[in-house]
Amino acid sequence: MKVSARNAFPGKILEIKKGATTAHVVLDVQGLKVTASITNEAVDDLNLKVGDEATAIVKASDVLVAVK
């Protein structure tokens, strides 16, 4: 699969929390937890399961940095 996004981070699925329509999929990317909000239908279509390898693809126009 090829995508135009430059920020692709391979990891492993730690958790899948399904809600009424949206699921939160948590990936372990080199010790960092990355959470994606996707539809329940997408979780089913991709046959996602805890322990599967997956890639977090980040496509964003802004990245914010905050300090205390």
PDB file of N, CA and C in Angstrom:
ATOM      1  N   MET A   1       0.838  -1.163   0.000  1.00  0.00           N
ATOM      2  CA  MET A   1       0.000   0.000   0.000  1.00  0.00           C
ATOM      3  C   MET A   1       0.891   1.237   0.000  1.00  0.00           C
ATOM      4  N   LYS A   2       0.558   2.212  -0.826  1.00  0.00           N
ATOM      5  CA  LYS A   2       1.270   3.478  -0.847  1.00  0.00           C
ATOM      6  C   LYS A   2       0.313   4.592  -0.454  1.00  0.00           C
ATOM      7  N   VAL A   3       0.808   5.526   0.359  1.00  0.00           N
ATOM      8  CA  VAL A   3       0.018   6.687   0.749  1.00  0.00           C
ATOM      9  C   VAL A   3       0.887   7.933   0.613  1.00  0.00           C
ATOM     10  N   SER A   4       0.234   9.074   0.468  1.00  0.00           N
ATOM     11  CA  SER A   4       0.983  10.319   0.298  1.00  0.00           C
ATOM     12  C   SER A   4       1.466  10.906   1.617  1.00  0.00           C
ATOM     13  N   ALA A   5       0.881  10.507   2.736  1.00  0.00           N
ATOM     14  CA  ALA A   5       1.280  11.046   4.041  1.00  0.00           C
ATOM     15  C   ALA A   5       2.710  10.634   4.359  1.00  0.00           C
ATOM     16  N   ARG A   6       3.480  11.559   4.869  1.00  0.00           N
ATOM     17  CA  ARG A   6       4.887  11.300   5.190  1.00  0.00           C
ATOM     18  C   ARG A   6       5.088  10.748   6.590  1.00  0.00           C
ATOM     19  N   ASN A   7       4.087  10.894   7.433  1.00  0.00           N
ATOM     20  CA  ASN A   7       4.221  10.483   8.824  1.00  0.00           C
ATOM     21  C   ASN A   7       3.520   9.160   9.060  1.00  0.00           C
ATOM     22  N   ALA A   8       4.233   8.076   8.857  1.00  0.00           N
ATOM     23  CA  ALA A   8       3.694   6.734   9.058  1.00  0.00           C
ATOM     24  C   ALA A   8       4.530   6.040  10.131  1.00  0.00           C
ATOM     25  N   PHE A   9       3.843   5.572  11.177  1.00  0.00           N
ATOM     26  CA  PHE A   9       4.524   4.995  12.326  1.00  0.00           C
ATOM     27  C   PHE A   9       4.040   3.575  12.583  1.00  0.00           C
ATOM     28  N   PRO A  10       4.852   2.573  12.272  1.00  0.00           N
ATOM     29  CA  PRO A  10       4.447   1.189  12.519  1.00  0.00           C
ATOM     30  C   PRO A  10       4.398   0.893  14.014  1.00  0.00           C
ATOM     31  N   GLY A  11       3.423   0.095  14.401  1.00  0.00           N
ATOM     32  CA  GLY A  11       3.280  -0.270  15.807  1.00  0.00           C
ATOM     33  C   GLY A  11       2.426  -1.498  15.973  1.00  0.00           C
ATOM     34  N   LYS A  12       1.978  -1.713  17.203  1.00  0.00           N
ATOM     35  CA  LYS A  12       1.159  -2.878  17.536  1.00  0.00           C
ATOM     36  C   LYS A  12      -0.085  -2.391  18.261  1.00  0.00           C
ATOM     37  N   ILE A  13      -1.224  -2.987  17.946  1.00  0.00           N
ATOM     38  CA  ILE A  13      -2.478  -2.592  18.579  1.00  0.00           C
ATOM     39  C   ILE A  13      -2.506  -3.088  20.029  1.00  0.00           C
ATOM     40  N   LEU A  14      -2.691  -2.127  20.950  1.00  0.00           N
ATOM     41  CA  LEU A  14      -2.769  -2.448  22.378  1.00  0.00           C
ATOM     42  C   LEU A  14      -4.203  -2.602  22.856  1.00  0.00           C
ATOM     43  N   GLU A  15      -5.102  -1.801  22.264  1.00  0.00           N
ATOM     44  CA  GLU A  15      -6.467  -1.749  22.785  1.00  0.00           C
ATOM     45  C   GLU A  15      -7.412  -1.243  21.692  1.00  0.00           C
ATOM     46  N   ILE A  16      -8.623  -1.774  21.691  1.00  0.00           N
ATOM     47  CA  ILE A  16      -9.689  -1.294  20.814  1.00  0.00           C
ATOM     48  C   ILE A  16     -10.917  -1.084  21.676  1.00  0.00           C
ATOM     49  N   LYS A  17     -11.383   0.176  21.753  1.00  0.00           N
ATOM     50  CA  LYS A  17     -12.576   0.499  22.542  1.00  0.00           C
ATOM     51  C   LYS A  17     -13.659   0.961  21.585  1.00  0.00           C
ATOM     52  N   LYS A  18     -14.676   0.121  21.392  1.00  0.00           N
ATOM     53  CA  LYS A  18     -15.781   0.492  20.516  1.00  0.00           C
ATOM     54  C   LYS A  18     -16.846   1.253  21.291  1.00  0.00           C
ATOM     55  N   GLY A  19     -17.322   2.329  20.681  1.00  0.00           N
ATOM     56  CA  GLY A  19     -18.436   3.086  21.227  1.00  0.00           C
ATOM     57  C   GLY A  19     -19.660   2.831  20.373  1.00  0.00           C
ATOM     58  N   ALA A  20     -20.620   3.755  20.406  1.00  0.00           N
ATOM     59  CA  ALA A  20     -21.856   3.598  19.638  1.00  0.00           C
ATOM     60  C   ALA A  20     -21.572   3.553  18.133  1.00  0.00           C
ATOM     61  N   THR A  21     -20.702   4.431  17.667  1.00  0.00           N
ATOM     62  CA  THR A  21     -20.375   4.473  16.228  1.00  0.00           C
ATOM     63  C   THR A  21     -18.885   4.558  15.962  1.00  0.00           C
ATOM     64  N   THR A  22     -18.124   5.048  16.961  1.00  0.00           N
ATOM     65  CA  THR A  22     -16.692   5.303  16.784  1.00  0.00           C
ATOM     66  C   THR A  22     -15.878   4.440  17.724  1.00  0.00           C
ATOM     67  N   ALA A  23     -14.734   3.984  17.231  1.00  0.00           N
ATOM     68  CA  ALA A  23     -13.820   3.187  18.053  1.00  0.00           C
ATOM     69  C   ALA A  23     -12.525   3.964  18.264  1.00  0.00           C
ATOM     70  N   HIS A  24     -11.910   3.763  19.421  1.00  0.00           N
ATOM     71  CA  HIS A  24     -10.585   4.302  19.691  1.00  0.00           C
ATOM     72  C   HIS A  24      -9.620   3.124  19.635  1.00  0.00           C
ATOM     73  N   VAL A  25      -8.666   3.224  18.726  1.00  0.00           N
ATOM     74  CA  VAL A  25      -7.668   2.179  18.546  1.00  0.00           C
ATOM     75  C   VAL A  25      -6.342   2.719  19.066  1.00  0.00           C
ATOM     76  N   VAL A  26      -5.783   2.049  20.076  1.00  0.00           N
ATOM     77  CA  VAL A  26      -4.533   2.488  20.690  1.00  0.00           C
ATOM     78  C   VAL A  26      -3.406   1.616  20.166  1.00  0.00           C
ATOM     79  N   LEU A  27      -2.380   2.288  19.623  1.00  0.00           N
ATOM     80  CA  LEU A  27      -1.204   1.592  19.098  1.00  0.00           C
ATOM     81  C   LEU A  27       0.012   1.906  19.951  1.00  0.00           C
ATOM     82  N   ASP A  28       0.883   0.925  20.131  1.00  0.00           N
ATOM     83  CA  ASP A  28       2.177   1.142  20.767  1.00  0.00           C
ATOM     84  C   ASP A  28       3.174   1.382  19.636  1.00  0.00           C
ATOM     85  N   VAL A  29       3.674   2.614  19.562  1.00  0.00           N
ATOM     86  CA  VAL A  29       4.665   2.980  18.550  1.00  0.00           C
ATOM     87  C   VAL A  29       5.965   3.275  19.280  1.00  0.00           C
ATOM     88  N   GLN A  30       6.833   2.293  19.358  1.00  0.00           N
ATOM     89  CA  GLN A  30       8.120   2.413  20.049  1.00  0.00           C
ATOM     90  C   GLN A  30       7.962   2.969  21.460  1.00  0.00           C
ATOM     91  N   GLY A  31       6.998   2.445  22.203  1.00  0.00           N
ATOM     92  CA  GLY A  31       6.774   2.849  23.579  1.00  0.00           C
ATOM     93  C   GLY A  31       5.846   4.040  23.745  1.00  0.00           C
ATOM     94  N   LEU A  32       5.458   4.686  22.667  1.00  0.00           N
ATOM     95  CA  LEU A  32       4.545   5.819  22.699  1.00  0.00           C
ATOM     96  C   LEU A  32       3.159   5.341  22.312  1.00  0.00           C
ATOM     97  N   LYS A  33       2.139   5.698  23.111  1.00  0.00           N
ATOM     98  CA  LYS A  33       0.770   5.313  22.784  1.00  0.00           C
ATOM     99  C   LYS A  33       0.171   6.345  21.834  1.00  0.00           C
ATOM    100  N   VAL A  34      -0.300   5.867  20.697  1.00  0.00           N
ATOM    101  CA  VAL A  34      -0.948   6.710  19.692  1.00  0.00           C
ATOM    102  C   VAL A  34      -2.374   6.207  19.551  1.00  0.00           C
ATOM    103  N   THR A  35      -3.346   7.118  19.665  1.00  0.00           N
ATOM    104  CA  THR A  35      -4.755   6.742  19.586  1.00  0.00           C
ATOM    105  C   THR A  35      -5.385   7.292  18.323  1.00  0.00           C
ATOM    106  N   ALA A  36      -6.077   6.433  17.602  1.00  0.00           N
ATOM    107  CA  ALA A  36      -6.810   6.828  16.400  1.00  0.00           C
ATOM    108  C   ALA A  36      -8.299   6.642  16.661  1.00  0.00           C
ATOM    109  N   SER A  37      -9.091   7.604  16.218  1.00  0.00           N
ATOM    110  CA  SER A  37     -10.554   7.485  16.283  1.00  0.00           C
ATOM    111  C   SER A  37     -11.048   7.130  14.895  1.00  0.00           C
ATOM    112  N   ILE A  38     -11.599   5.930  14.763  1.00  0.00           N
ATOM    113  CA  ILE A  38     -12.109   5.472  13.469  1.00  0.00           C
ATOM    114  C   ILE A  38     -13.491   4.861  13.688  1.00  0.00           C
ATOM    115  N   THR A  39     -14.208   4.635  12.618  1.00  0.00           N
ATOM    116  CA  THR A  39     -15.543   4.070  12.762  1.00  0.00           C
ATOM    117  C   THR A  39     -15.464   2.595  13.181  1.00  0.00           C
ATOM    118  N   ASN A  40     -16.516   2.138  13.840  1.00  0.00           N
ATOM    119  CA  ASN A  40     -16.607   0.713  14.169  1.00  0.00           C
ATOM    120  C   ASN A  40     -16.580  -0.122  12.899  1.00  0.00           C
ATOM    121  N   GLU A  41     -17.220   0.396  11.847  1.00  0.00           N
ATOM    122  CA  GLU A  41     -17.234  -0.305  10.562  1.00  0.00           C
ATOM    123  C   GLU A  41     -15.820  -0.494  10.032  1.00  0.00           C
ATOM    124  N   ALA A  42     -14.956   0.531  10.182  1.00  0.00           N
ATOM    125  CA  ALA A  42     -13.569   0.420   9.719  1.00  0.00           C
ATOM    126  C   ALA A  42     -12.806  -0.642  10.511  1.00  0.00           C
ATOM    127  N   VAL A  43     -13.055  -0.704  11.824  1.00  0.00           N
ATOM    128  CA  VAL A  43     -12.418  -1.735  12.656  1.00  0.00           C
ATOM    129  C   VAL A  43     -12.801  -3.116  12.137  1.00  0.00           C
ATOM    130  N   ASP A  44     -14.081  -3.302  11.833  1.00  0.00           N
ATOM    131  CA  ASP A  44     -14.555  -4.594  11.331  1.00  0.00           C
ATOM    132  C   ASP A  44     -14.019  -4.886   9.929  1.00  0.00           C
ATOM    133  N   ASP A  45     -14.048  -3.885   9.047  1.00  0.00           N
ATOM    134  CA  ASP A  45     -13.571  -4.072   7.671  1.00  0.00           C
ATOM    135  C   ASP A  45     -12.084  -4.429   7.632  1.00  0.00           C
ATOM    136  N   LEU A  46     -11.304  -3.803   8.527  1.00  0.00           N
ATOM    137  CA  LEU A  46      -9.865  -4.069   8.584  1.00  0.00           C
ATOM    138  C   LEU A  46      -9.541  -5.299   9.425  1.00  0.00           C
ATOM    139  N   ASN A  47     -10.584  -5.859  10.075  1.00  0.00           N
ATOM    140  CA  ASN A  47     -10.422  -7.038  10.927  1.00  0.00           C
ATOM    141  C   ASN A  47      -9.349  -6.807  12.000  1.00  0.00           C
ATOM    142  N   LEU A  48      -9.394  -5.623  12.633  1.00  0.00           N
ATOM    143  CA  LEU A  48      -8.389  -5.262  13.626  1.00  0.00           C
ATOM    144  C   LEU A  48      -8.595  -6.046  14.912  1.00  0.00           C
ATOM    145  N   LYS A  49      -7.465  -6.480  15.494  1.00  0.00           N
ATOM    146  CA  LYS A  49      -7.484  -7.205  16.751  1.00  0.00           C
ATOM    147  C   LYS A  49      -6.299  -6.768  17.595  1.00  0.00           C
ATOM    148  N   VAL A  50      -6.474  -6.807  18.919  1.00  0.00           N
ATOM    149  CA  VAL A  50      -5.373  -6.510  19.828  1.00  0.00           C
ATOM    150  C   VAL A  50      -4.214  -7.452  19.521  1.00  0.00           C
ATOM    151  N   GLY A  51      -3.012  -6.887  19.444  1.00  0.00           N
ATOM    152  CA  GLY A  51      -1.816  -7.676  19.142  1.00  0.00           C
ATOM    153  C   GLY A  51      -1.407  -7.607  17.688  1.00  0.00           C
ATOM    154  N   ASP A  52      -2.332  -7.168  16.814  1.00  0.00           N
ATOM    155  CA  ASP A  52      -2.002  -7.033  15.385  1.00  0.00           C
ATOM    156  C   ASP A  52      -1.006  -5.906  15.168  1.00  0.00           C
ATOM    157  N   GLU A  53      -0.182  -6.058  14.153  1.00  0.00           N
ATOM    158  CA  GLU A  53       0.676  -4.971  13.714  1.00  0.00           C
ATOM    159  C   GLU A  53      -0.145  -4.062  12.821  1.00  0.00           C
ATOM    160  N   ALA A  54       0.035  -2.760  13.001  1.00  0.00           N
ATOM    161  CA  ALA A  54      -0.686  -1.770  12.209  1.00  0.00           C
ATOM    162  C   ALA A  54       0.190  -0.525  12.119  1.00  0.00           C
ATOM    163  N   THR A  55      -0.170   0.371  11.236  1.00  0.00           N
ATOM    164  CA  THR A  55       0.591   1.605  11.059  1.00  0.00           C
ATOM    165  C   THR A  55      -0.304   2.803  11.328  1.00  0.00           C
ATOM    166  N   ALA A  56       0.168   3.707  12.181  1.00  0.00           N
ATOM    167  CA  ALA A  56      -0.526   4.971  12.427  1.00  0.00           C
ATOM    168  C   ALA A  56      -0.042   5.951  11.357  1.00  0.00           C
ATOM    169  N   ILE A  57      -0.965   6.451  10.568  1.00  0.00           N
ATOM    170  CA  ILE A  57      -0.624   7.415   9.525  1.00  0.00           C
ATOM    171  C   ILE A  57      -1.208   8.752   9.943  1.00  0.00           C
ATOM    172  N   VAL A  58      -0.336   9.740  10.114  1.00  0.00           N
ATOM    173  CA  VAL A  58      -0.754  11.053  10.599  1.00  0.00           C
ATOM    174  C   VAL A  58      -0.741  12.040   9.452  1.00  0.00           C
ATOM    175  N   LYS A  59      -1.886  12.632   9.208  1.00  0.00           N
ATOM    176  CA  LYS A  59      -2.026  13.664   8.183  1.00  0.00           C
ATOM    177  C   LYS A  59      -2.646  14.862   8.864  1.00  0.00           C
ATOM    178  N   ALA A  60      -1.855  15.871   9.132  1.00  0.00           N
ATOM    179  CA  ALA A  60      -2.344  17.035   9.857  1.00  0.00           C
ATOM    180  C   ALA A  60      -1.723  18.310   9.283  1.00  0.00           C
ATOM    181  N   SER A  61      -2.483  19.375   9.321  1.00  0.00           N
ATOM    182  CA  SER A  61      -1.950  20.649   8.832  1.00  0.00           C
ATOM    183  C   SER A  61      -1.188  21.395   9.922  1.00  0.00           C
ATOM    184  N   ASP A  62      -1.427  21.051  11.182  1.00  0.00           N
ATOM    185  CA  ASP A  62      -0.776  21.739  12.288  1.00  0.00           C
ATOM    186  C   ASP A  62      -0.295  20.745  13.334  1.00  0.00           C
ATOM    187  N   VAL A  63       0.825  21.063  13.947  1.00  0.00           N
ATOM    188  CA  VAL A  63       1.315  20.341  15.128  1.00  0.00           C
ATOM    189  C   VAL A  63       1.552  21.400  16.186  1.00  0.00           C
ATOM    190  N   LEU A  64       0.937  21.233  17.341  1.00  0.00           N
ATOM    191  CA  LEU A  64       1.053  22.213  18.411  1.00  0.00           C
ATOM    192  C   LEU A  64       2.030  21.723  19.469  1.00  0.00           C
ATOM    193  N   VAL A  65       2.758  22.654  20.048  1.00  0.00           N
ATOM    194  CA  VAL A  65       3.698  22.347  21.126  1.00  0.00           C
ATOM    195  C   VAL A  65       3.324  23.227  22.324  1.00  0.00           C
ATOM    196  N   ALA A  66       3.263  22.632  23.497  1.00  0.00           N
ATOM    197  CA  ALA A  66       2.947  23.379  24.713  1.00  0.00           C
ATOM    198  C   ALA A  66       4.004  23.111  25.764  1.00  0.00           C
ATOM    199  N   VAL A  67       4.250  24.103  26.613  1.00  0.00           N
ATOM    200  CA  VAL A  67       5.155  23.938  27.745  1.00  0.00           C
ATOM    201  C   VAL A  67       4.483  24.468  28.994  1.00  0.00           C
ATOM    202  N   LYS A  68       4.966  24.015  30.141  1.00  0.00           N
ATOM    203  CA  LYS A  68       4.421  24.487  31.419  1.00  0.00           C
ATOM    204  C   LYS A  68       5.162  25.708  31.863  1.00  0.00           C
TER     205      LYS A  68
END
